[in-house]
Amino acid sequence: TGILLNAAVAGDEPLLIARSLPGVPVLTGPKRTLTGQTA
């Protein structure tokens, strides 16, 4: 439904992806298995 974090927290590339893909969840984190399962 929308963007929740800014570039300082999310990183510039994840934020750019989020802005380019409305409706597509974008998640970050050090453990991709955890971020993937959360998605």
Full PDB file with SEQRES, HELIX, SHEET, SSBOND, CRYST1, ORIGX, SCALE, CONECT and MASTER records, all heavy atoms in Angstrom:
SEQRES   1 A   39  THR GLY ILE LEU LEU ASN ALA ALA VAL ALA GLY ASP GLU          
SEQRES   2 A   39  PRO LEU LEU ILE ALA ARG SER LEU PRO GLY VAL PRO VAL          
SEQRES   3 A   39  LEU THR GLY PRO LYS ARG THR LEU THR GLY GLN THR ALA          
HELIX    1 AA1 ALA A    7  ALA A   10  1                                   4    
HELIX    2 AA2 ASP A   12  SER A   20  1                                   9    
HELIX    3 AA3 ARG A   32  THR A   38  1                                   7    
CRYST1    1.000    1.000    1.000  90.00  90.00  90.00 P 1           1          
ORIGX1      1.000000  0.000000  0.000000        0.00000                         
ORIGX2      0.000000  1.000000  0.000000        0.00000                         
ORIGX3      0.000000  0.000000  1.000000        0.00000                         
SCALE1      1.000000  0.000000  0.000000        0.00000                         
SCALE2      0.000000  1.000000  0.000000        0.00000                         
SCALE3      0.000000  0.000000  1.000000        0.00000                         
ATOM      1  N   THR A   1       0.797  -1.227   0.000  1.00  0.00           N  
ATOM      2  CA  THR A   1       0.000   0.000   0.000  1.00  0.00           C  
ATOM      3  C   THR A   1       0.830   1.279   0.000  1.00  0.00           C  
ATOM      4  O   THR A   1       0.275   2.365  -0.188  1.00  0.00           O  
ATOM      5  CB  THR A   1      -0.945   0.033   1.221  1.00  0.00           C  
ATOM      6  OG1 THR A   1      -0.167  -0.105   2.418  1.00  0.00           O  
ATOM      7  CG2 THR A   1      -1.960  -1.103   1.143  1.00  0.00           C  
ATOM      8  N   GLY A   2       2.145   1.202   0.217  1.00  0.00           N  
ATOM      9  CA  GLY A   2       2.924   2.425   0.200  1.00  0.00           C  
ATOM     10  C   GLY A   2       4.319   2.275   0.774  1.00  0.00           C  
ATOM     11  O   GLY A   2       4.687   1.219   1.304  1.00  0.00           O  
ATOM     12  N   ILE A   3       5.097   3.358   0.662  1.00  0.00           N  
ATOM     13  CA  ILE A   3       6.479   3.383   1.137  1.00  0.00           C  
ATOM     14  C   ILE A   3       6.516   3.763   2.615  1.00  0.00           C  
ATOM     15  O   ILE A   3       5.820   4.683   3.044  1.00  0.00           O  
ATOM     16  CB  ILE A   3       7.312   4.369   0.294  1.00  0.00           C  
ATOM     17  CG1 ILE A   3       7.419   3.856  -1.145  1.00  0.00           C  
ATOM     18  CG2 ILE A   3       8.708   4.555   0.888  1.00  0.00           C  
ATOM     19  CD1 ILE A   3       8.063   4.818  -2.107  1.00  0.00           C  
ATOM     20  N   LEU A   4       7.343   3.050   3.385  1.00  0.00           N  
ATOM     21  CA  LEU A   4       7.369   3.214   4.833  1.00  0.00           C  
ATOM     22  C   LEU A   4       8.682   3.767   5.374  1.00  0.00           C  
ATOM     23  O   LEU A   4       8.714   4.292   6.481  1.00  0.00           O  
ATOM     24  CB  LEU A   4       7.073   1.868   5.509  1.00  0.00           C  
ATOM     25  CG  LEU A   4       5.765   1.175   5.084  1.00  0.00           C  
ATOM     26  CD1 LEU A   4       5.662  -0.200   5.723  1.00  0.00           C  
ATOM     27  CD2 LEU A   4       4.565   2.033   5.453  1.00  0.00           C  
ATOM     28  N   LEU A   5       9.781   3.621   4.621  1.00  0.00           N  
ATOM     29  CA  LEU A   5      11.086   4.052   5.112  1.00  0.00           C  
ATOM     30  C   LEU A   5      11.751   4.992   4.121  1.00  0.00           C  
ATOM     31  O   LEU A   5      11.428   4.995   2.928  1.00  0.00           O  
ATOM     32  CB  LEU A   5      11.998   2.835   5.346  1.00  0.00           C  
ATOM     33  CG  LEU A   5      11.531   1.794   6.370  1.00  0.00           C  
ATOM     34  CD1 LEU A   5      12.523   0.638   6.430  1.00  0.00           C  
ATOM     35  CD2 LEU A   5      11.359   2.425   7.748  1.00  0.00           C  
ATOM     36  N   ASN A   6      12.718   5.783   4.615  1.00  0.00           N  
ATOM     37  CA  ASN A   6      13.468   6.676   3.736  1.00  0.00           C  
ATOM     38  C   ASN A   6      14.805   6.048   3.358  1.00  0.00           C  
ATOM     39  O   ASN A   6      15.153   4.963   3.825  1.00  0.00           O  
ATOM     40  CB  ASN A   6      13.667   8.046   4.397  1.00  0.00           C  
ATOM     41  CG  ASN A   6      14.410   7.942   5.731  1.00  0.00           C  
ATOM     42  OD1 ASN A   6      15.196   7.020   5.961  1.00  0.00           O  
ATOM     43  ND2 ASN A   6      14.160   8.895   6.615  1.00  0.00           N  
ATOM     44  N   ALA A   7      15.586   6.771   2.533  1.00  0.00           N  
ATOM     45  CA  ALA A   7      16.851   6.227   2.035  1.00  0.00           C  
ATOM     46  C   ALA A   7      17.871   6.032   3.144  1.00  0.00           C  
ATOM     47  O   ALA A   7      18.671   5.096   3.098  1.00  0.00           O  
ATOM     48  CB  ALA A   7      17.414   7.146   0.952  1.00  0.00           C  
ATOM     49  N   ALA A   8      17.860   6.909   4.159  1.00  0.00           N  
ATOM     50  CA  ALA A   8      18.840   6.794   5.245  1.00  0.00           C  
ATOM     51  C   ALA A   8      18.694   5.480   5.993  1.00  0.00           C  
ATOM     52  O   ALA A   8      19.677   4.884   6.421  1.00  0.00           O  
ATOM     53  CB  ALA A   8      18.686   7.971   6.210  1.00  0.00           C  
ATOM     54  N   VAL A   9      17.475   5.014   6.127  1.00  0.00           N  
ATOM     55  CA  VAL A   9      17.213   3.761   6.835  1.00  0.00           C  
ATOM     56  C   VAL A   9      17.261   2.578   5.871  1.00  0.00           C  
ATOM     57  O   VAL A   9      17.868   1.545   6.159  1.00  0.00           O  
ATOM     58  CB  VAL A   9      15.846   3.809   7.543  1.00  0.00           C  
ATOM     59  CG1 VAL A   9      15.545   2.478   8.225  1.00  0.00           C  
ATOM     60  CG2 VAL A   9      15.821   4.935   8.562  1.00  0.00           C  
ATOM     61  N   ALA A  10      16.626   2.733   4.712  1.00  0.00           N  
ATOM     62  CA  ALA A  10      16.468   1.605   3.794  1.00  0.00           C  
ATOM     63  C   ALA A  10      17.664   1.391   2.882  1.00  0.00           C  
ATOM     64  O   ALA A  10      17.952   0.266   2.477  1.00  0.00           O  
ATOM     65  CB  ALA A  10      15.220   1.827   2.938  1.00  0.00           C  
ATOM     66  N   GLY A  11      18.392   2.464   2.551  1.00  0.00           N  
ATOM     67  CA  GLY A  11      19.405   2.399   1.503  1.00  0.00           C  
ATOM     68  C   GLY A  11      18.820   2.969   0.223  1.00  0.00           C  
ATOM     69  O   GLY A  11      17.613   2.885  -0.021  1.00  0.00           O  
ATOM     70  N   ASP A  12      19.671   3.556  -0.618  1.00  0.00           N  
ATOM     71  CA  ASP A  12      19.160   4.235  -1.807  1.00  0.00           C  
ATOM     72  C   ASP A  12      18.553   3.284  -2.833  1.00  0.00           C  
ATOM     73  O   ASP A  12      17.507   3.575  -3.427  1.00  0.00           O  
ATOM     74  CB  ASP A  12      20.253   5.091  -2.455  1.00  0.00           C  
ATOM     75  CG  ASP A  12      21.560   4.343  -2.683  1.00  0.00           C  
ATOM     76  OD1 ASP A  12      21.577   3.098  -2.582  1.00  0.00           O  
ATOM     77  OD2 ASP A  12      22.583   5.007  -2.948  1.00  0.00           O  
ATOM     78  N   GLU A  13      19.175   2.122  -3.045  1.00  0.00           N  
ATOM     79  CA  GLU A  13      18.657   1.207  -4.071  1.00  0.00           C  
ATOM     80  C   GLU A  13      17.322   0.574  -3.672  1.00  0.00           C  
ATOM     81  O   GLU A  13      16.400   0.529  -4.506  1.00  0.00           O  
ATOM     82  CB  GLU A  13      19.714   0.150  -4.396  1.00  0.00           C  
ATOM     83  CG  GLU A  13      20.911   0.745  -5.144  1.00  0.00           C  
ATOM     84  CD  GLU A  13      22.046  -0.235  -5.323  1.00  0.00           C  
ATOM     85  OE1 GLU A  13      21.981  -1.336  -4.716  1.00  0.00           O  
ATOM     86  OE2 GLU A  13      22.999   0.091  -6.045  1.00  0.00           O  
ATOM     87  N   PRO A  14      17.159   0.075  -2.430  1.00  0.00           N  
ATOM     88  CA  PRO A  14      15.838  -0.440  -2.055  1.00  0.00           C  
ATOM     89  C   PRO A  14      14.738   0.612  -2.160  1.00  0.00           C  
ATOM     90  O   PRO A  14      13.615   0.308  -2.591  1.00  0.00           O  
ATOM     91  CB  PRO A  14      16.039  -0.905  -0.606  1.00  0.00           C  
ATOM     92  CG  PRO A  14      17.486  -1.249  -0.520  1.00  0.00           C  
ATOM     93  CD  PRO A  14      18.163  -0.230  -1.392  1.00  0.00           C  
ATOM     94  N   LEU A  15      15.048   1.864  -1.790  1.00  0.00           N  
ATOM     95  CA  LEU A  15      14.034   2.909  -1.893  1.00  0.00           C  
ATOM     96  C   LEU A  15      13.693   3.190  -3.353  1.00  0.00           C  
ATOM     97  O   LEU A  15      12.521   3.377  -3.705  1.00  0.00           O  
ATOM     98  CB  LEU A  15      14.511   4.188  -1.214  1.00  0.00           C  
ATOM     99  CG  LEU A  15      13.522   5.363  -1.253  1.00  0.00           C  
ATOM    100  CD1 LEU A  15      12.203   4.985  -0.579  1.00  0.00           C  
ATOM    101  CD2 LEU A  15      14.114   6.608  -0.606  1.00  0.00           C  
ATOM    102  N   LEU A  16      14.695   3.209  -4.217  1.00  0.00           N  
ATOM    103  CA  LEU A  16      14.447   3.417  -5.645  1.00  0.00           C  
ATOM    104  C   LEU A  16      13.583   2.300  -6.214  1.00  0.00           C  
ATOM    105  O   LEU A  16      12.651   2.546  -6.992  1.00  0.00           O  
ATOM    106  CB  LEU A  16      15.780   3.510  -6.396  1.00  0.00           C  
ATOM    107  CG  LEU A  16      15.693   3.646  -7.923  1.00  0.00           C  
ATOM    108  CD1 LEU A  16      14.803   4.816  -8.330  1.00  0.00           C  
ATOM    109  CD2 LEU A  16      17.098   3.804  -8.515  1.00  0.00           C  
ATOM    110  N   ILE A  17      13.867   1.063  -5.817  1.00  0.00           N  
ATOM    111  CA  ILE A  17      13.052  -0.077  -6.265  1.00  0.00           C  
ATOM    112  C   ILE A  17      11.621   0.087  -5.781  1.00  0.00           C  
ATOM    113  O   ILE A  17      10.666  -0.119  -6.540  1.00  0.00           O  
ATOM    114  CB  ILE A  17      13.669  -1.399  -5.756  1.00  0.00           C  
ATOM    115  CG1 ILE A  17      15.002  -1.674  -6.458  1.00  0.00           C  
ATOM    116  CG2 ILE A  17      12.703  -2.570  -5.989  1.00  0.00           C  
ATOM    117  CD1 ILE A  17      15.804  -2.799  -5.842  1.00  0.00           C  
ATOM    118  N   ALA A  18      11.457   0.468  -4.510  1.00  0.00           N  
ATOM    119  CA  ALA A  18      10.118   0.629  -3.942  1.00  0.00           C  
ATOM    120  C   ALA A  18       9.330   1.712  -4.672  1.00  0.00           C  
ATOM    121  O   ALA A  18       8.141   1.551  -4.960  1.00  0.00           O  
ATOM    122  CB  ALA A  18      10.223   0.960  -2.454  1.00  0.00           C  
ATOM    123  N   ARG A  19       9.987   2.812  -4.999  1.00  0.00           N  
ATOM    124  CA  ARG A  19       9.299   3.893  -5.705  1.00  0.00           C  
ATOM    125  C   ARG A  19       8.964   3.512  -7.140  1.00  0.00           C  
ATOM    126  O   ARG A  19       7.990   4.014  -7.712  1.00  0.00           O  
ATOM    127  CB  ARG A  19      10.153   5.155  -5.679  1.00  0.00           C  
ATOM    128  CG  ARG A  19      10.238   5.799  -4.303  1.00  0.00           C  
ATOM    129  CD  ARG A  19      10.795   7.200  -4.370  1.00  0.00           C  
ATOM    130  NE  ARG A  19      10.690   7.868  -3.080  1.00  0.00           N  
ATOM    131  CZ  ARG A  19      11.005   9.143  -2.877  1.00  0.00           C  
ATOM    132  NH1 ARG A  19      11.445   9.884  -3.886  1.00  0.00           N  
ATOM    133  NH2 ARG A  19      10.881   9.690  -1.679  1.00  0.00           N  
ATOM    134  N   SER A  20       9.770   2.649  -7.718  1.00  0.00           N  
ATOM    135  CA  SER A  20       9.537   2.240  -9.104  1.00  0.00           C  
ATOM    136  C   SER A  20       8.484   1.147  -9.221  1.00  0.00           C  
ATOM    137  O   SER A  20       7.963   0.918 -10.319  1.00  0.00           O  
ATOM    138  CB  SER A  20      10.853   1.732  -9.725  1.00  0.00           C  
ATOM    139  OG  SER A  20      11.860   2.712  -9.672  1.00  0.00           O  
ATOM    140  N   LEU A  21       8.168   0.477  -8.092  1.00  0.00           N  
ATOM    141  CA  LEU A  21       7.263  -0.678  -8.126  1.00  0.00           C  
ATOM    142  C   LEU A  21       6.140  -0.521  -7.096  1.00  0.00           C  
ATOM    143  O   LEU A  21       6.123  -1.212  -6.074  1.00  0.00           O  
ATOM    144  CB  LEU A  21       8.048  -1.966  -7.843  1.00  0.00           C  
ATOM    145  CG  LEU A  21       9.108  -2.366  -8.866  1.00  0.00           C  
ATOM    146  CD1 LEU A  21       9.950  -3.519  -8.335  1.00  0.00           C  
ATOM    147  CD2 LEU A  21       8.454  -2.755 -10.193  1.00  0.00           C  
ATOM    148  N   PRO A  22       5.191   0.369  -7.346  1.00  0.00           N  
ATOM    149  CA  PRO A  22       4.059   0.489  -6.419  1.00  0.00           C  
ATOM    150  C   PRO A  22       3.324  -0.842  -6.282  1.00  0.00           C  
ATOM    151  O   PRO A  22       3.073  -1.537  -7.273  1.00  0.00           O  
ATOM    152  CB  PRO A  22       3.160   1.535  -7.102  1.00  0.00           C  
ATOM    153  CG  PRO A  22       4.062   2.286  -8.026  1.00  0.00           C  
ATOM    154  CD  PRO A  22       5.091   1.290  -8.491  1.00  0.00           C  
ATOM    155  N   GLY A  23       3.015  -1.208  -5.055  1.00  0.00           N  
ATOM    156  CA  GLY A  23       2.293  -2.454  -4.811  1.00  0.00           C  
ATOM    157  C   GLY A  23       3.172  -3.662  -4.609  1.00  0.00           C  
ATOM    158  O   GLY A  23       2.676  -4.741  -4.264  1.00  0.00           O  
ATOM    159  N   VAL A  24       4.493  -3.511  -4.813  1.00  0.00           N  
ATOM    160  CA  VAL A  24       5.428  -4.628  -4.617  1.00  0.00           C  
ATOM    161  C   VAL A  24       6.159  -4.419  -3.293  1.00  0.00           C  
ATOM    162  O   VAL A  24       6.883  -3.433  -3.138  1.00  0.00           O  
ATOM    163  CB  VAL A  24       6.442  -4.733  -5.767  1.00  0.00           C  
ATOM    164  CG1 VAL A  24       7.487  -5.816  -5.469  1.00  0.00           C  
ATOM    165  CG2 VAL A  24       5.729  -5.028  -7.079  1.00  0.00           C  
ATOM    166  N   PRO A  25       6.010  -5.303  -2.318  1.00  0.00           N  
ATOM    167  CA  PRO A  25       6.741  -5.160  -1.053  1.00  0.00           C  
ATOM    168  C   PRO A  25       8.252  -5.240  -1.267  1.00  0.00           C  
ATOM    169  O   PRO A  25       8.735  -6.075  -2.035  1.00  0.00           O  
ATOM    170  CB  PRO A  25       6.238  -6.338  -0.211  1.00  0.00           C  
ATOM    171  CG  PRO A  25       4.937  -6.717  -0.822  1.00  0.00           C  
ATOM    172  CD  PRO A  25       5.073  -6.446  -2.289  1.00  0.00           C  
ATOM    173  N   VAL A  26       8.970  -4.365  -0.593  1.00  0.00           N  
ATOM    174  CA  VAL A  26      10.431  -4.369  -0.615  1.00  0.00           C  
ATOM    175  C   VAL A  26      10.904  -4.448   0.830  1.00  0.00           C  
ATOM    176  O   VAL A  26      10.513  -3.627   1.664  1.00  0.00           O  
ATOM    177  CB  VAL A  26      10.996  -3.110  -1.293  1.00  0.00           C  
ATOM    178  CG1 VAL A  26      12.525  -3.114  -1.246  1.00  0.00           C  
ATOM    179  CG2 VAL A  26      10.508  -3.008  -2.736  1.00  0.00           C  
ATOM    180  N   LEU A  27      11.738  -5.452   1.132  1.00  0.00           N  
ATOM    181  CA  LEU A  27      12.201  -5.667   2.497  1.00  0.00           C  
ATOM    182  C   LEU A  27      13.717  -5.761   2.512  1.00  0.00           C  
ATOM    183  O   LEU A  27      14.330  -6.279   1.563  1.00  0.00           O  
ATOM    184  CB  LEU A  27      11.622  -6.956   3.089  1.00  0.00           C  
ATOM    185  CG  LEU A  27      10.103  -7.049   3.277  1.00  0.00           C  
ATOM    186  CD1 LEU A  27       9.408  -7.476   1.985  1.00  0.00           C  
ATOM    187  CD2 LEU A  27       9.760  -8.042   4.374  1.00  0.00           C  
ATOM    188  N   THR A  28      14.325  -5.261   3.590  1.00  0.00           N  
ATOM    189  CA  THR A  28      15.770  -5.372   3.763  1.00  0.00           C  
ATOM    190  C   THR A  28      16.087  -6.018   5.105  1.00  0.00           C  
ATOM    191  O   THR A  28      15.262  -6.035   6.013  1.00  0.00           O  
ATOM    192  CB  THR A  28      16.469  -4.001   3.694  1.00  0.00           C  
ATOM    193  OG1 THR A  28      16.078  -3.215   4.829  1.00  0.00           O  
ATOM    194  CG2 THR A  28      16.123  -3.264   2.415  1.00  0.00           C  
ATOM    195  N   GLY A  29      17.303  -6.512   5.203  1.00  0.00           N  
ATOM    196  CA  GLY A  29      17.760  -7.128   6.444  1.00  0.00           C  
ATOM    197  C   GLY A  29      18.983  -7.973   6.192  1.00  0.00           C  
ATOM    198  O   GLY A  29      19.230  -8.404   5.061  1.00  0.00           O  
ATOM    199  N   PRO A  30      19.782  -8.220   7.228  1.00  0.00           N  
ATOM    200  CA  PRO A  30      21.027  -8.972   7.052  1.00  0.00           C  
ATOM    201  C   PRO A  30      20.835 -10.448   6.714  1.00  0.00           C  
ATOM    202  O   PRO A  30      21.701 -11.061   6.106  1.00  0.00           O  
ATOM    203  CB  PRO A  30      21.738  -8.792   8.396  1.00  0.00           C  
ATOM    204  CG  PRO A  30      20.638  -8.509   9.373  1.00  0.00           C  
ATOM    205  CD  PRO A  30      19.600  -7.758   8.614  1.00  0.00           C  
ATOM    206  N   LYS A  31      19.697 -11.042   7.143  1.00  0.00           N  
ATOM    207  CA  LYS A  31      19.439 -12.458   6.888  1.00  0.00           C  
ATOM    208  C   LYS A  31      18.319 -12.583   5.856  1.00  0.00           C  
ATOM    209  O   LYS A  31      17.151 -12.369   6.154  1.00  0.00           O  
ATOM    210  CB  LYS A  31      19.050 -13.177   8.175  1.00  0.00           C  
ATOM    211  CG  LYS A  31      20.171 -13.246   9.198  1.00  0.00           C  
ATOM    212  CD  LYS A  31      19.765 -14.072  10.412  1.00  0.00           C  
ATOM    213  CE  LYS A  31      20.913 -14.172  11.406  1.00  0.00           C  
ATOM    214  NZ  LYS A  31      20.538 -14.972  12.611  1.00  0.00           N  
ATOM    215  N   ARG A  32      18.707 -12.940   4.643  1.00  0.00           N  
ATOM    216  CA  ARG A  32      17.720 -12.978   3.556  1.00  0.00           C  
ATOM    217  C   ARG A  32      16.688 -14.075   3.758  1.00  0.00           C  
ATOM    218  O   ARG A  32      15.555 -13.951   3.287  1.00  0.00           O  
ATOM    219  CB  ARG A  32      18.441 -13.140   2.216  1.00  0.00           C  
ATOM    220  CG  ARG A  32      19.368 -11.973   1.894  1.00  0.00           C  
ATOM    221  CD  ARG A  32      20.084 -12.214   0.577  1.00  0.00           C  
ATOM    222  NE  ARG A  32      21.303 -11.454   0.475  1.00  0.00           N  
ATOM    223  CZ  ARG A  32      21.468 -10.387  -0.298  1.00  0.00           C  
ATOM    224  NH1 ARG A  32      20.462  -9.942  -1.006  1.00  0.00           N  
ATOM    225  NH2 ARG A  32      22.624  -9.755  -0.351  1.00  0.00           N  
ATOM    226  N   THR A  33      17.070 -15.140   4.431  1.00  0.00           N  
ATOM    227  CA  THR A  33      16.073 -16.179   4.696  1.00  0.00           C  
ATOM    228  C   THR A  33      14.965 -15.629   5.580  1.00  0.00           C  
ATOM    229  O   THR A  33      13.781 -15.964   5.396  1.00  0.00           O  
ATOM    230  CB  THR A  33      16.727 -17.395   5.370  1.00  0.00           C  
ATOM    231  OG1 THR A  33      17.493 -16.956   6.503  1.00  0.00           O  
ATOM    232  CG2 THR A  33      17.643 -18.131   4.398  1.00  0.00           C  
ATOM    233  N   LEU A  34      15.322 -14.773   6.520  1.00  0.00           N  
ATOM    234  CA  LEU A  34      14.329 -14.181   7.409  1.00  0.00           C  
ATOM    235  C   LEU A  34      13.473 -13.148   6.678  1.00  0.00           C  
ATOM    236  O   LEU A  34      12.244 -13.128   6.824  1.00  0.00           O  
ATOM    237  CB  LEU A  34      15.017 -13.535   8.611  1.00  0.00           C  
ATOM    238  CG  LEU A  34      14.103 -12.886   9.664  1.00  0.00           C  
ATOM    239  CD1 LEU A  34      13.106 -13.907  10.217  1.00  0.00           C  
ATOM    240  CD2 LEU A  34      14.939 -12.276  10.786  1.00  0.00           C  
ATOM    241  N   THR A  35      14.113 -12.275   5.882  1.00  0.00           N  
ATOM    242  CA  THR A  35      13.336 -11.286   5.129  1.00  0.00           C  
ATOM    243  C   THR A  35      12.437 -11.968   4.104  1.00  0.00           C  
ATOM    244  O   THR A  35      11.288 -11.563   3.891  1.00  0.00           O  
ATOM    245  CB  THR A  35      14.250 -10.264   4.424  1.00  0.00           C  
ATOM    246  OG1 THR A  35      15.220 -10.961   3.641  1.00  0.00           O  
ATOM    247  CG2 THR A  35      14.959  -9.384   5.424  1.00  0.00           C  
ATOM    248  N   GLY A  36      12.952 -13.030   3.486  1.00  0.00           N  
ATOM    249  CA  GLY A  36      12.142 -13.766   2.513  1.00  0.00           C  
ATOM    250  C   GLY A  36      10.932 -14.428   3.149  1.00  0.00           C  
ATOM    251  O   GLY A  36       9.812 -14.352   2.617  1.00  0.00           O  
ATOM    252  N   GLN A  37      11.133 -15.065   4.284  1.00  0.00           N  
ATOM    253  CA  GLN A  37      10.016 -15.728   4.960  1.00  0.00           C  
ATOM    254  C   GLN A  37       8.992 -14.703   5.452  1.00  0.00           C  
ATOM    255  O   GLN A  37       7.782 -14.947   5.421  1.00  0.00           O  
ATOM    256  CB  GLN A  37      10.532 -16.565   6.130  1.00  0.00           C  
ATOM    257  CG  GLN A  37       9.503 -17.531   6.700  1.00  0.00           C  
ATOM    258  CD  GLN A  37       9.010 -18.530   5.658  1.00  0.00           C  
ATOM    259  OE1 GLN A  37       9.816 -19.211   4.999  1.00  0.00           O  
ATOM    260  NE2 GLN A  37       7.699 -18.609   5.474  1.00  0.00           N  
ATOM    261  N   THR A  38       9.480 -13.533   5.880  1.00  0.00           N  
ATOM    262  CA  THR A  38       8.566 -12.472   6.307  1.00  0.00           C  
ATOM    263  C   THR A  38       7.704 -11.990   5.147  1.00  0.00           C  
ATOM    264  O   THR A  38       6.499 -11.749   5.305  1.00  0.00           O  
ATOM    265  CB  THR A  38       9.354 -11.288   6.895  1.00  0.00           C  
ATOM    266  OG1 THR A  38      10.129 -11.737   8.005  1.00  0.00           O  
ATOM    267  CG2 THR A  38       8.421 -10.178   7.352  1.00  0.00           C  
ATOM    268  N   ALA A  39       8.312 -11.856   3.965  1.00  0.00           N  
ATOM    269  CA  ALA A  39       7.556 -11.433   2.781  1.00  0.00           C  
ATOM    270  C   ALA A  39       6.467 -12.441   2.440  1.00  0.00           C  
ATOM    271  O   ALA A  39       5.341 -12.075   2.064  1.00  0.00           O  
ATOM    272  CB  ALA A  39       8.503 -11.248   1.597  1.00  0.00           C  
TER     273      ALA A  39                                                      
MASTER        0    0    0    3    0    0    0    6  272    1    0    3          
END                                                                             
